[in-house]
Amino acid sequence: QVQLVESGGGLVQAGDSLSLSCAASGDTFSSYAMGWFRQAPGKEREMVAVISWAGGSTYLTDSVKGRFTISRDNAKNTVYLQMNRLSPEDTAVYYCAADRHVVRLRDYPSAGGLDIWGQGTLVTVSS
């Protein structure tokens, strides 16, 4: 299976932009759908954005539509999350995850648990 390492988190001000990256290694990256998730203090982990293995389908949670974009570069074994117009409500630890079935990522957690996670990167948005 793949191993995942996120990068790009940090402290920004409301209205700023930030780009996260998740680099994969160890298996055929292009055979996995990929997702970004976040967990704010005291809250459950939630799906933010998901992309199919070839990038032809993407899904975004309602609160980030129009602000966040997920993309992937299979030649670089990397998935990205471009976050624009950030707000304090976006403050969380952001995790990337991989699964061979896009539905399991898109419908997390109702579709069941996920086995492949990165270590997370903290995004803090100040007001």
Foldseek 3Di string as FASTA:
>chain_A
DKAKAKDWADEEAAQAKTKMKIAIDDDQLLLKKKFKWWDDPPGDIDTAKIAASVRPDMDGDPVQPPFWDWDDDSVRRMIMIIGGRDDQVPWTWMKMAIDSDRCVRVVPPVSHDGDHIYPTDTHGYHD
